[in-house]
Amino acid sequence: MQAPAQKNSDDPTAALVQTGPAAKPIGCEEGMNVDEMLTRFAGEFGPWQLRQFLLTSLAWILCAFQVMAVVFADRESSKPIPCPAGIRLDRAWWLARSTVEEWGLNCGEKYKVGLAQSAFFAGSMAGAAFFGHVSDSFLGRKGVLTLTTFLLTVFSLLTAFSPSFFTYSFLRLLSGFSTGGVGLSAFVLATEPVGPSFRAAAAMSTFHFFSIGSISLSFTSLLLPSWRLLYVATSLPSLLFLLLALPFISESPRWHLVRRNLPAAMQIIRAVAKTNGYSIPDRAILVHDADATRPVRTASIVDVMSSHVTRPRLILGFLINFLISVSYYGLTLNVANLGPEIHASAILNAVAEMPAYALTAVALRWHGRRPMAVTSMWLCGFFCFAAGAFVNAARMGCAAVAIFAVAATYNLMYVCTAELFPTEVRNAALGCVTLAGQMGAVAAPVVVAVGGKWGFGVFGGCAVVAGGLGLRLPETRKQPLYETMAGLEGGGKGKGEAG
């Protein structure tokens, strides 16, 4: 743990949100923002932040279960299924290996598989936008995480008892709606209490848990070949997370501060300091950069679009995330087309992602976000084109390198978005950018259905174009950031911290 210091860290990563003004004397008290309080008195990353990080990041395992479940639940049967439908199967309905097998979707209705997958991502798109706004306004980050985890548990369990393909698709839509809120809230809760010197590395490290979830689901599918039992299994971790992890997760002090609930914010900061082995002097208090006399107003995505500073950032983030998501989810869902052993392909893809997160988290301490994002996008594009030119093992290897590169970019965009927008609209901005990502995810199953070299060509083309757009992103390591939307008024000249 880094000990609190009287000055901000010299580490270049500290600049990501550390451009705020010096502490402001308020009578006999010394007012400061959250980052300065963490840096000087409470500790930037200690036992308190580690516990918060580990508990909230477990939610990404739940997200991975929902995203990857379709790979195994909607897979094609390895044996020919007699048409017209699966009613001729000589097994109980709850033992069918996949939805394709049970409902005979191979009989001229294979397109329905892609529709069910797209329904999940469409729901996730709506959930990210809706819960992003709710999280920034009245419900808070923890409130949204609690609600969406409960809904995810219910919908995932109900999916296992779907009587028809229509019901199955509708429940997948609702599961996606819940998943969109789980991922957003978990990411913000894990990173907002972390000090500026460690925040970027912590942000990238959260996605290790998504890969862990993908690998775990692959092994679970081996033990539970029935698609219905698989969905039952995915609902149990959500219930355990709701009961055993959420009670020990704290709300973000930054959200309390934006809502002008200073006592609650100070209570959390004092708990951080106490757990980390430090103490906060009585003279030190948290202050918000906005005018304290101004009534609390819930900022929204409209405020982001109204500012000439944040509007181009949001548009670029929207376009880049859409294109990258086509590549990322396309390569992820395409594992069934890489070889006869779907479990081995899924595990290989998940393993390829993990070093991407680790290397990016380390490299962020010395390199800017923009060059790393552009390089990884173009690297993904190159290997996608190469995968389209090869077959068998060579194609699988190129696809693994491509997903290694695109995974780094996909998650790096979360970091960039969190840095480019102030606290009061951060979740709304993340929700909008995530919405774009889910739009790409909706399109990805359609591309996967095309298969072959054409599918890899689309994935590669999207990555290359996204890299070109990435050149226009501001470099947040050097770019002045803002604490509040009020700081953007008057031409965006008000400086403060971004979170």
Protein backbone atom coordinates (compact mmCIF):
# COMPACT_ATOMS: atom_id res chain seq x y z
CA MET A 1 0.00 0.00 0.00
CA GLN A 2 1.23 3.45 -0.79
CA ALA A 3 1.47 5.62 2.31
CA PRO A 4 -0.34 8.93 2.26
CA ALA A 5 1.93 11.78 1.33
CA GLN A 6 1.80 15.52 1.60
CA LYS A 7 2.17 15.80 -2.15
CA ASN A 8 0.66 13.97 -5.08
CA SER A 9 2.57 11.03 -6.49
CA ASP A 10 5.16 11.70 -9.17
CA ASP A 11 3.98 8.62 -11.02
CA PRO A 12 2.66 9.69 -14.44
CA THR A 13 -0.48 7.65 -13.95
CA ALA A 14 -1.41 9.89 -11.04
CA ALA A 15 -2.19 12.64 -13.52
CA LEU A 16 -5.27 10.83 -14.73
CA VAL A 17 -7.50 12.71 -12.31
CA GLN A 18 -5.05 14.68 -10.24
CA THR A 19 -5.31 18.07 -11.87
CA GLY A 20 -7.54 19.54 -9.16
CA PRO A 21 -6.79 22.69 -7.25
CA ALA A 22 -4.88 22.71 -4.01
CA ALA A 23 -6.71 22.27 -0.72
CA LYS A 24 -9.03 25.16 0.05
CA PRO A 25 -8.93 26.71 3.54
CA ILE A 26 -12.45 27.02 4.95
CA GLY A 27 -12.16 28.89 8.22
CA CYS A 28 -10.12 26.61 10.49
CA GLU A 29 -10.78 23.64 8.22
CA GLU A 30 -8.97 22.44 5.13
CA GLY A 31 -11.25 21.41 2.28
CA MET A 32 -10.04 18.94 -0.31
CA ASN A 33 -11.39 16.59 -2.95
CA VAL A 34 -11.52 12.79 -2.68
CA ASP A 35 -8.24 12.17 -4.53
CA GLU A 36 -6.31 14.53 -2.30
CA MET A 37 -7.88 13.02 0.81
CA LEU A 38 -6.85 9.54 -0.32
CA THR A 39 -3.35 10.63 -1.30
CA ARG A 40 -2.56 12.64 1.83
CA PHE A 41 -4.41 10.89 4.63
CA ALA A 42 -6.39 7.71 3.85
CA GLY A 43 -4.15 5.70 1.50
CA GLU A 44 -4.53 5.26 -2.25
CA PHE A 45 -4.71 1.47 -2.32
CA GLY A 46 -4.71 -0.45 0.95
CA PRO A 47 -6.67 -3.26 2.63
CA TRP A 48 -9.95 -1.33 2.38
CA GLN A 49 -9.63 -0.73 -1.36
CA LEU A 50 -8.40 -4.29 -1.93
CA ARG A 51 -11.45 -5.74 -0.20
CA GLN A 52 -13.79 -3.42 -2.13
CA PHE A 53 -12.03 -4.24 -5.39
CA LEU A 54 -12.17 -8.02 -4.94
CA LEU A 55 -15.78 -8.12 -3.79
CA THR A 56 -17.16 -5.85 -6.51
CA SER A 57 -15.07 -7.44 -9.26
CA LEU A 58 -16.69 -10.80 -8.52
CA ALA A 59 -19.73 -9.37 -10.32
CA TRP A 60 -17.81 -9.63 -13.60
CA ILE A 61 -17.83 -13.42 -13.18
CA LEU A 62 -21.64 -13.22 -13.21
CA CYS A 63 -21.50 -11.13 -16.38
CA ALA A 64 -19.20 -13.67 -18.03
CA PHE A 65 -21.60 -16.48 -17.18
CA GLN A 66 -24.43 -14.67 -18.94
CA VAL A 67 -22.43 -13.63 -22.00
CA MET A 68 -20.79 -17.02 -22.56
CA ALA A 69 -23.81 -19.17 -21.69
CA VAL A 70 -25.14 -18.89 -25.25
CA VAL A 71 -21.93 -20.42 -26.63
CA PHE A 72 -22.79 -23.70 -24.93
CA ALA A 73 -26.58 -23.47 -24.60
CA ASP A 74 -27.16 -22.57 -28.27
CA ARG A 75 -24.50 -24.78 -29.86
CA GLU A 76 -25.30 -27.06 -32.74
CA SER A 77 -25.57 -30.77 -32.08
CA SER A 78 -22.60 -32.91 -33.08
CA LYS A 79 -25.05 -35.53 -34.41
CA PRO A 80 -27.73 -35.05 -37.08
CA ILE A 81 -31.16 -34.29 -35.58
CA PRO A 82 -34.19 -35.61 -37.44
CA CYS A 83 -36.58 -32.94 -38.68
CA PRO A 84 -39.12 -31.46 -38.28
CA ALA A 85 -38.25 -30.85 -34.63
CA GLY A 86 -36.72 -32.05 -31.41
CA ILE A 87 -39.88 -33.78 -30.17
CA ARG A 88 -38.42 -37.01 -31.56
CA LEU A 89 -35.53 -36.89 -29.15
CA ASP A 90 -35.35 -40.01 -27.01
CA ARG A 91 -34.51 -38.16 -23.80
CA ALA A 92 -36.20 -36.06 -21.15
CA TRP A 93 -36.74 -32.41 -22.02
CA TRP A 94 -34.45 -31.21 -19.22
CA LEU A 95 -31.54 -33.27 -20.58
CA ALA A 96 -31.38 -31.69 -24.04
CA ARG A 97 -27.79 -30.56 -24.72
CA SER A 98 -28.77 -27.33 -26.44
CA THR A 99 -31.70 -25.21 -27.55
CA VAL A 100 -30.90 -26.16 -31.14
CA GLU A 101 -31.31 -29.80 -30.26
CA GLU A 102 -34.45 -29.43 -28.15
CA TRP A 103 -36.41 -27.16 -30.47
CA GLY A 104 -35.04 -28.45 -33.74
CA LEU A 105 -33.60 -25.10 -34.80
CA ASN A 106 -31.39 -26.83 -37.33
CA CYS A 107 -34.49 -27.52 -39.41
CA GLY A 108 -34.44 -24.31 -41.42
CA GLU A 109 -34.54 -22.08 -38.34
CA LYS A 110 -30.86 -21.67 -37.53
CA TYR A 111 -31.28 -17.89 -37.78
CA LYS A 112 -33.20 -18.02 -34.48
CA VAL A 113 -29.97 -18.86 -32.64
CA GLY A 114 -28.49 -15.54 -33.65
CA LEU A 115 -31.72 -13.75 -32.73
CA ALA A 116 -31.65 -15.15 -29.19
CA GLN A 117 -28.06 -14.05 -28.78
CA SER A 118 -28.82 -10.60 -30.16
CA ALA A 119 -31.81 -10.32 -27.79
CA PHE A 120 -29.47 -10.69 -24.81
CA PHE A 121 -27.15 -7.94 -26.04
CA ALA A 122 -30.09 -5.71 -26.93
CA GLY A 123 -31.30 -6.06 -23.35
CA SER A 124 -27.81 -5.31 -22.07
CA MET A 125 -27.74 -2.21 -24.25
CA ALA A 126 -30.97 -0.92 -22.74
CA GLY A 127 -29.87 -1.87 -19.22
CA ALA A 128 -26.56 -0.03 -19.52
CA ALA A 129 -28.30 3.18 -20.57
CA PHE A 130 -31.10 2.96 -18.02
CA PHE A 131 -29.10 1.88 -15.00
CA GLY A 132 -26.28 4.24 -15.88
CA HIS A 133 -28.63 7.18 -15.34
CA VAL A 134 -30.32 5.66 -12.29
CA SER A 135 -26.94 4.96 -10.70
CA ASP A 136 -25.82 8.57 -11.08
CA SER A 137 -29.11 9.94 -9.77
CA PHE A 138 -31.15 8.60 -6.87
CA LEU A 139 -30.26 4.91 -6.49
CA GLY A 140 -26.48 5.06 -6.36
CA ARG A 141 -23.87 2.55 -7.51
CA LYS A 142 -24.48 -0.04 -4.78
CA GLY A 143 -28.24 0.28 -5.07
CA VAL A 144 -28.12 -0.49 -8.78
CA LEU A 145 -25.71 -3.39 -8.25
CA THR A 146 -28.03 -4.89 -5.62
CA LEU A 147 -31.14 -4.52 -7.76
CA THR A 148 -29.60 -5.83 -10.97
CA THR A 149 -27.96 -8.82 -9.26
CA PHE A 150 -31.34 -9.81 -7.80
CA LEU A 151 -33.01 -9.48 -11.20
CA LEU A 152 -30.21 -11.44 -12.85
CA THR A 153 -30.65 -14.29 -10.37
CA VAL A 154 -34.39 -14.47 -11.05
CA PHE A 155 -34.23 -14.21 -14.84
CA SER A 156 -31.36 -16.67 -15.19
CA LEU A 157 -33.24 -19.25 -13.14
CA LEU A 158 -36.45 -18.71 -15.09
CA THR A 159 -34.54 -19.15 -18.36
CA ALA A 160 -33.78 -22.73 -17.38
CA PHE A 161 -37.52 -23.50 -17.42
CA SER A 162 -38.36 -21.83 -20.73
CA PRO A 163 -41.22 -23.76 -22.37
CA SER A 164 -40.59 -22.36 -25.84
CA PHE A 165 -38.00 -20.59 -27.92
CA PHE A 166 -39.98 -17.32 -27.75
CA THR A 167 -40.01 -17.41 -23.94
CA TYR A 168 -36.32 -18.31 -23.93
CA SER A 169 -35.44 -15.32 -26.11
CA PHE A 170 -37.56 -12.96 -24.00
CA LEU A 171 -35.92 -14.11 -20.76
CA ARG A 172 -32.49 -13.71 -22.37
CA LEU A 173 -33.51 -10.14 -23.20
CA LEU A 174 -34.35 -9.52 -19.52
CA SER A 175 -31.14 -11.21 -18.38
CA GLY A 176 -29.19 -8.89 -20.66
CA PHE A 177 -31.05 -5.89 -19.24
CA SER A 178 -29.89 -6.87 -15.75
CA THR A 179 -26.35 -7.70 -16.84
CA GLY A 180 -25.90 -4.21 -18.31
CA GLY A 181 -26.42 -2.67 -14.87
CA VAL A 182 -24.26 -5.22 -13.03
CA GLY A 183 -21.13 -4.59 -15.10
CA LEU A 184 -21.37 -0.81 -14.99
CA SER A 185 -21.94 -0.51 -11.26
CA ALA A 186 -19.28 -3.07 -10.40
CA PHE A 187 -16.67 -1.25 -12.47
CA VAL A 188 -17.37 2.14 -10.90
CA LEU A 189 -17.60 0.80 -7.34
CA ALA A 190 -14.26 -1.00 -7.73
CA THR A 191 -12.35 1.99 -9.09
CA GLU A 192 -13.80 5.18 -7.58
CA PRO A 193 -12.40 4.63 -4.05
CA VAL A 194 -8.90 3.93 -5.43
CA GLY A 195 -6.30 6.69 -5.42
CA PRO A 196 -5.12 8.23 -8.71
CA SER A 197 -1.77 6.44 -8.81
CA PHE A 198 -3.42 3.02 -8.83
CA ARG A 199 -6.82 3.65 -10.42
CA ALA A 200 -5.96 2.80 -14.02
CA ALA A 201 -4.25 -0.46 -13.05
CA ALA A 202 -7.19 -1.40 -10.83
CA ALA A 203 -9.63 -0.60 -13.63
CA MET A 204 -7.88 -2.93 -16.07
CA SER A 205 -7.49 -5.66 -13.44
CA THR A 206 -11.25 -5.92 -12.88
CA PHE A 207 -11.61 -7.68 -16.22
CA HIS A 208 -9.48 -10.62 -15.11
CA PHE A 209 -12.63 -11.76 -13.37
CA PHE A 210 -14.54 -11.86 -16.66
CA SER A 211 -11.95 -14.28 -18.05
CA ILE A 212 -12.11 -16.34 -14.86
CA GLY A 213 -15.87 -16.55 -15.32
CA SER A 214 -15.50 -17.68 -18.95
CA ILE A 215 -13.07 -20.43 -17.99
CA SER A 216 -15.25 -21.53 -15.07
CA LEU A 217 -18.33 -21.74 -17.28
CA SER A 218 -16.44 -23.85 -19.83
CA PHE A 219 -15.63 -26.43 -17.16
CA THR A 220 -19.16 -26.22 -15.75
CA SER A 221 -20.55 -26.99 -19.19
CA LEU A 222 -18.42 -30.13 -19.31
CA LEU A 223 -19.96 -31.30 -16.04
CA LEU A 224 -23.50 -30.17 -16.95
CA PRO A 225 -24.06 -30.85 -20.65
CA SER A 226 -27.77 -29.94 -20.37
CA TRP A 227 -28.44 -26.32 -21.33
CA ARG A 228 -31.23 -26.05 -18.77
CA LEU A 229 -29.03 -27.28 -15.92
CA LEU A 230 -26.34 -24.88 -17.13
CA TYR A 231 -28.66 -21.89 -16.66
CA VAL A 232 -29.61 -23.14 -13.20
CA ALA A 233 -25.90 -23.27 -12.40
CA THR A 234 -25.37 -19.69 -13.62
CA SER A 235 -28.10 -18.38 -11.29
CA LEU A 236 -26.56 -19.82 -8.12
CA PRO A 237 -23.38 -17.64 -8.11
CA SER A 238 -25.58 -14.56 -8.52
CA LEU A 239 -27.57 -15.55 -5.45
CA LEU A 240 -24.38 -16.18 -3.46
CA PHE A 241 -22.98 -12.82 -4.52
CA LEU A 242 -26.20 -11.11 -3.45
CA LEU A 243 -26.15 -12.74 -0.01
CA LEU A 244 -22.46 -13.04 0.83
CA ALA A 245 -20.62 -10.25 -1.01
CA LEU A 246 -22.93 -7.25 -1.41
CA PRO A 247 -23.46 -6.63 2.33
CA PHE A 248 -19.72 -5.96 2.64
CA ILE A 249 -19.48 -3.58 -0.35
CA SER A 250 -19.51 0.14 0.37
CA GLU A 251 -21.15 2.88 -1.65
CA SER A 252 -18.78 5.21 -3.46
CA PRO A 253 -17.81 8.28 -1.36
CA ARG A 254 -17.68 10.28 -4.59
CA TRP A 255 -21.35 9.62 -5.27
CA HIS A 256 -22.27 10.77 -1.75
CA LEU A 257 -20.17 13.89 -2.25
CA VAL A 258 -21.85 14.74 -5.56
CA ARG A 259 -25.23 14.26 -3.88
CA ARG A 260 -24.05 16.75 -1.19
CA ASN A 261 -24.21 14.07 1.52
CA LEU A 262 -20.96 15.13 3.17
CA PRO A 263 -21.42 13.14 6.43
CA ALA A 264 -21.83 9.86 4.52
CA ALA A 265 -18.83 10.61 2.29
CA MET A 266 -16.63 11.49 5.29
CA GLN A 267 -17.77 8.38 7.13
CA ILE A 268 -16.57 6.18 4.27
CA ILE A 269 -13.28 8.07 3.92
CA ARG A 270 -12.62 7.69 7.67
CA ALA A 271 -13.37 3.97 7.38
CA VAL A 272 -10.87 3.76 4.51
CA ALA A 273 -8.19 5.48 6.59
CA LYS A 274 -8.87 3.37 9.68
CA THR A 275 -8.72 0.07 7.79
CA ASN A 276 -5.55 1.17 6.00
CA GLY A 277 -3.91 2.07 9.30
CA TYR A 278 -4.10 5.87 9.05
CA SER A 279 -6.17 8.65 10.53
CA ILE A 280 -7.71 11.81 9.12
CA PRO A 281 -7.15 15.02 11.10
CA ASP A 282 -10.23 16.87 12.25
CA ARG A 283 -9.31 19.90 10.17
CA ALA A 284 -9.50 17.93 6.88
CA ILE A 285 -12.93 17.82 5.25
CA LEU A 286 -14.24 16.85 1.84
CA VAL A 287 -15.54 19.58 -0.43
CA HIS A 288 -17.20 19.56 -3.80
CA ASP A 289 -15.94 21.88 -6.51
CA ALA A 290 -19.46 23.04 -7.28
CA ASP A 291 -20.99 26.01 -5.51
CA ALA A 292 -22.31 24.69 -2.21
CA THR A 293 -25.17 27.17 -2.30
CA ARG A 294 -26.44 25.90 -5.61
CA PRO A 295 -29.30 23.37 -5.32
CA VAL A 296 -28.51 19.76 -6.13
CA ARG A 297 -29.32 18.97 -9.72
CA THR A 298 -29.01 15.56 -11.31
CA ALA A 299 -26.78 15.87 -14.34
CA SER A 300 -27.57 13.63 -17.28
CA ILE A 301 -26.35 12.67 -20.71
CA VAL A 302 -28.05 15.83 -22.00
CA ASP A 303 -25.53 17.87 -20.03
CA VAL A 304 -22.70 15.88 -21.59
CA MET A 305 -24.00 16.55 -25.09
CA SER A 306 -24.53 20.24 -24.30
CA SER A 307 -20.86 20.84 -23.54
CA HIS A 308 -18.47 21.34 -26.46
CA VAL A 309 -15.76 19.71 -24.32
CA THR A 310 -17.50 16.44 -23.46
CA ARG A 311 -19.66 16.08 -26.59
CA PRO A 312 -16.85 15.03 -28.99
CA ARG A 313 -15.46 12.70 -26.35
CA LEU A 314 -18.80 10.96 -26.03
CA ILE A 315 -19.28 10.67 -29.79
CA LEU A 316 -15.80 9.23 -30.30
CA GLY A 317 -16.27 6.81 -27.41
CA PHE A 318 -19.64 5.77 -28.82
CA LEU A 319 -18.29 5.01 -32.31
CA ILE A 320 -15.12 3.29 -31.12
CA ASN A 321 -16.98 1.08 -28.65
CA PHE A 322 -19.51 0.05 -31.29
CA LEU A 323 -16.79 -1.05 -33.71
CA ILE A 324 -14.62 -2.71 -31.08
CA SER A 325 -17.59 -4.61 -29.67
CA VAL A 326 -18.33 -6.11 -33.08
CA SER A 327 -14.77 -7.44 -33.08
CA TYR A 328 -14.63 -8.46 -29.42
CA TYR A 329 -17.98 -10.22 -29.13
CA GLY A 330 -17.67 -11.61 -32.64
CA LEU A 331 -14.35 -13.27 -31.81
CA THR A 332 -15.72 -14.44 -28.44
CA LEU A 333 -18.89 -16.00 -29.86
CA ASN A 334 -17.03 -17.38 -32.86
CA VAL A 335 -15.26 -20.05 -30.78
CA ALA A 336 -17.78 -22.64 -31.98
CA ASN A 337 -16.48 -22.15 -35.54
CA LEU A 338 -12.79 -22.51 -34.71
CA GLY A 339 -12.67 -26.23 -34.15
CA PRO A 340 -14.58 -29.35 -33.13
CA GLU A 341 -13.86 -28.93 -29.39
CA ILE A 342 -15.84 -25.91 -28.30
CA HIS A 343 -14.69 -26.05 -24.67
CA ALA A 344 -10.99 -25.97 -25.59
CA SER A 345 -11.57 -23.02 -27.95
CA ALA A 346 -13.50 -21.08 -25.30
CA ILE A 347 -10.80 -21.68 -22.67
CA LEU A 348 -8.05 -20.68 -25.12
CA ASN A 349 -9.82 -17.40 -25.87
CA ALA A 350 -10.34 -16.64 -22.18
CA VAL A 351 -6.73 -17.46 -21.34
CA ALA A 352 -5.56 -15.19 -24.18
CA GLU A 353 -7.46 -12.27 -22.63
CA MET A 354 -5.88 -12.47 -19.18
CA PRO A 355 -2.31 -11.41 -20.08
CA ALA A 356 -3.79 -8.55 -22.11
CA TYR A 357 -5.34 -7.09 -18.95
CA ALA A 358 -2.19 -7.62 -16.88
CA LEU A 359 0.20 -6.14 -19.45
CA THR A 360 -2.07 -3.17 -20.09
CA ALA A 361 -2.45 -2.47 -16.37
CA VAL A 362 1.33 -2.36 -15.98
CA ALA A 363 1.98 -0.42 -19.20
CA LEU A 364 -0.51 2.29 -18.25
CA ARG A 365 1.96 3.52 -15.65
CA TRP A 366 4.41 4.56 -18.38
CA HIS A 367 2.44 4.98 -21.59
CA GLY A 368 -0.56 7.02 -22.62
CA ARG A 369 -3.99 5.54 -23.20
CA ARG A 370 -4.36 6.70 -26.80
CA PRO A 371 -1.22 5.07 -28.33
CA MET A 372 -1.93 1.83 -26.47
CA ALA A 373 -5.55 1.73 -27.62
CA VAL A 374 -4.72 2.50 -31.26
CA THR A 375 -1.88 -0.03 -31.38
CA SER A 376 -3.98 -2.82 -29.90
CA MET A 377 -6.88 -2.07 -32.29
CA TRP A 378 -4.65 -2.24 -35.33
CA LEU A 379 -2.95 -5.38 -34.02
CA CYS A 380 -6.36 -7.00 -33.69
CA GLY A 381 -7.25 -5.99 -37.24
CA PHE A 382 -4.04 -7.47 -38.66
CA PHE A 383 -4.50 -10.86 -37.00
CA CYS A 384 -8.20 -10.98 -37.90
CA PHE A 385 -7.25 -10.60 -41.56
CA ALA A 386 -4.56 -13.26 -41.06
CA ALA A 387 -7.09 -15.63 -39.45
CA GLY A 388 -9.31 -15.26 -42.49
CA ALA A 389 -6.44 -16.41 -44.70
CA PHE A 390 -5.62 -19.54 -42.66
CA VAL A 391 -7.50 -22.62 -41.51
CA ASN A 392 -7.49 -25.04 -38.57
CA ALA A 393 -4.75 -24.55 -35.95
CA ALA A 394 -3.24 -21.50 -37.67
CA ARG A 395 -6.65 -19.79 -37.71
CA MET A 396 -7.20 -20.62 -34.03
CA GLY A 397 -3.79 -19.15 -33.15
CA CYS A 398 -4.42 -15.93 -35.09
CA ALA A 399 -7.85 -15.63 -33.50
CA ALA A 400 -6.29 -16.00 -30.03
CA VAL A 401 -3.81 -13.18 -30.72
CA ALA A 402 -6.63 -11.04 -32.14
CA ILE A 403 -8.77 -11.47 -29.04
CA PHE A 404 -5.69 -10.77 -26.90
CA ALA A 405 -5.39 -7.39 -28.63
CA VAL A 406 -9.07 -6.49 -28.77
CA ALA A 407 -9.63 -7.44 -25.11
CA ALA A 408 -7.04 -4.87 -24.07
CA THR A 409 -8.72 -2.20 -26.20
CA TYR A 410 -12.27 -3.08 -25.15
CA ASN A 411 -11.50 -2.69 -21.47
CA LEU A 412 -9.13 0.24 -21.94
CA MET A 413 -12.10 2.19 -23.29
CA TYR A 414 -13.79 1.78 -19.90
CA VAL A 415 -10.74 3.40 -18.30
CA CYS A 416 -10.68 6.25 -20.82
CA THR A 417 -14.39 6.94 -20.42
CA ALA A 418 -14.15 6.96 -16.63
CA GLU A 419 -11.30 9.47 -16.87
CA LEU A 420 -12.87 11.77 -19.43
CA PHE A 421 -16.14 12.47 -17.61
CA PRO A 422 -16.85 13.98 -14.18
CA THR A 423 -18.32 12.07 -11.26
CA GLU A 424 -21.90 13.29 -11.56
CA VAL A 425 -22.26 11.99 -15.12
CA ARG A 426 -19.63 9.26 -15.13
CA ASN A 427 -22.06 6.35 -14.94
CA ALA A 428 -24.39 8.00 -17.46
CA ALA A 429 -21.47 8.45 -19.87
CA LEU A 430 -20.28 4.90 -19.24
CA GLY A 431 -23.84 3.73 -19.80
CA CYS A 432 -24.03 5.54 -23.14
CA VAL A 433 -20.67 4.21 -24.27
CA THR A 434 -21.60 0.74 -23.07
CA LEU A 435 -24.88 1.08 -24.98
CA ALA A 436 -22.82 1.57 -28.13
CA GLY A 437 -20.81 -1.50 -27.22
CA GLN A 438 -23.97 -3.53 -26.83
CA MET A 439 -25.19 -2.32 -30.21
CA GLY A 440 -22.01 -3.82 -31.64
CA ALA A 441 -22.67 -6.96 -29.62
CA VAL A 442 -26.17 -7.20 -31.12
CA ALA A 443 -24.63 -7.13 -34.61
CA ALA A 444 -21.84 -9.60 -33.76
CA PRO A 445 -23.96 -12.82 -33.78
CA VAL A 446 -25.15 -11.96 -37.29
CA VAL A 447 -21.54 -11.70 -38.45
CA VAL A 448 -20.67 -14.94 -36.65
CA ALA A 449 -23.47 -16.68 -38.54
CA VAL A 450 -21.70 -15.76 -41.80
CA GLY A 451 -18.60 -17.58 -40.58
CA GLY A 452 -15.40 -18.27 -42.46
CA LYS A 453 -12.98 -15.66 -43.72
CA TRP A 454 -15.73 -13.11 -44.34
CA GLY A 455 -16.55 -12.94 -40.66
CA PHE A 456 -12.89 -12.37 -39.78
CA GLY A 457 -12.74 -9.70 -42.47
CA VAL A 458 -15.57 -7.77 -40.81
CA PHE A 459 -13.95 -8.10 -37.37
CA GLY A 460 -10.63 -6.88 -38.75
CA GLY A 461 -12.16 -3.99 -40.66
CA CYS A 462 -14.03 -2.75 -37.58
CA ALA A 463 -10.83 -2.86 -35.51
CA VAL A 464 -8.83 -0.92 -38.10
CA VAL A 465 -11.47 1.82 -38.45
CA ALA A 466 -11.78 2.06 -34.66
CA GLY A 467 -8.01 2.54 -34.47
CA GLY A 468 -8.24 5.44 -36.88
CA LEU A 469 -10.93 7.09 -34.76
CA GLY A 470 -8.84 6.46 -31.66
CA LEU A 471 -6.20 8.86 -32.97
CA ARG A 472 -8.64 11.68 -32.25
CA LEU A 473 -9.16 10.77 -28.60
CA PRO A 474 -7.65 13.18 -26.04
CA GLU A 475 -4.73 11.76 -24.07
CA THR A 476 -6.17 11.69 -20.56
CA ARG A 477 -2.76 11.30 -18.94
CA LYS A 478 -1.98 14.85 -20.03
CA GLN A 479 -5.44 16.29 -20.60
CA PRO A 480 -6.90 18.58 -17.89
CA LEU A 481 -10.00 16.93 -16.46
CA TYR A 482 -13.03 18.18 -14.57
CA GLU A 483 -14.75 17.46 -11.29
CA THR A 484 -18.22 18.69 -12.15
CA MET A 485 -20.33 19.62 -15.12
CA ALA A 486 -20.40 23.11 -13.63
CA GLY A 487 -16.67 23.27 -14.29
CA LEU A 488 -17.37 22.95 -18.00
CA GLU A 489 -19.54 26.04 -18.12
CA GLY A 490 -18.03 29.09 -19.65
CA GLY A 491 -16.10 27.25 -22.35
CA GLY A 492 -14.87 24.37 -20.25
CA LYS A 493 -12.16 26.36 -18.48
CA GLY A 494 -12.97 25.28 -14.95
CA LYS A 495 -10.44 22.76 -13.74
CA GLY A 496 -10.86 20.14 -11.12
CA GLU A 497 -10.45 16.45 -10.59
CA ALA A 498 -12.41 13.99 -12.65
CA GLY A 499 -13.56 11.81 -9.94
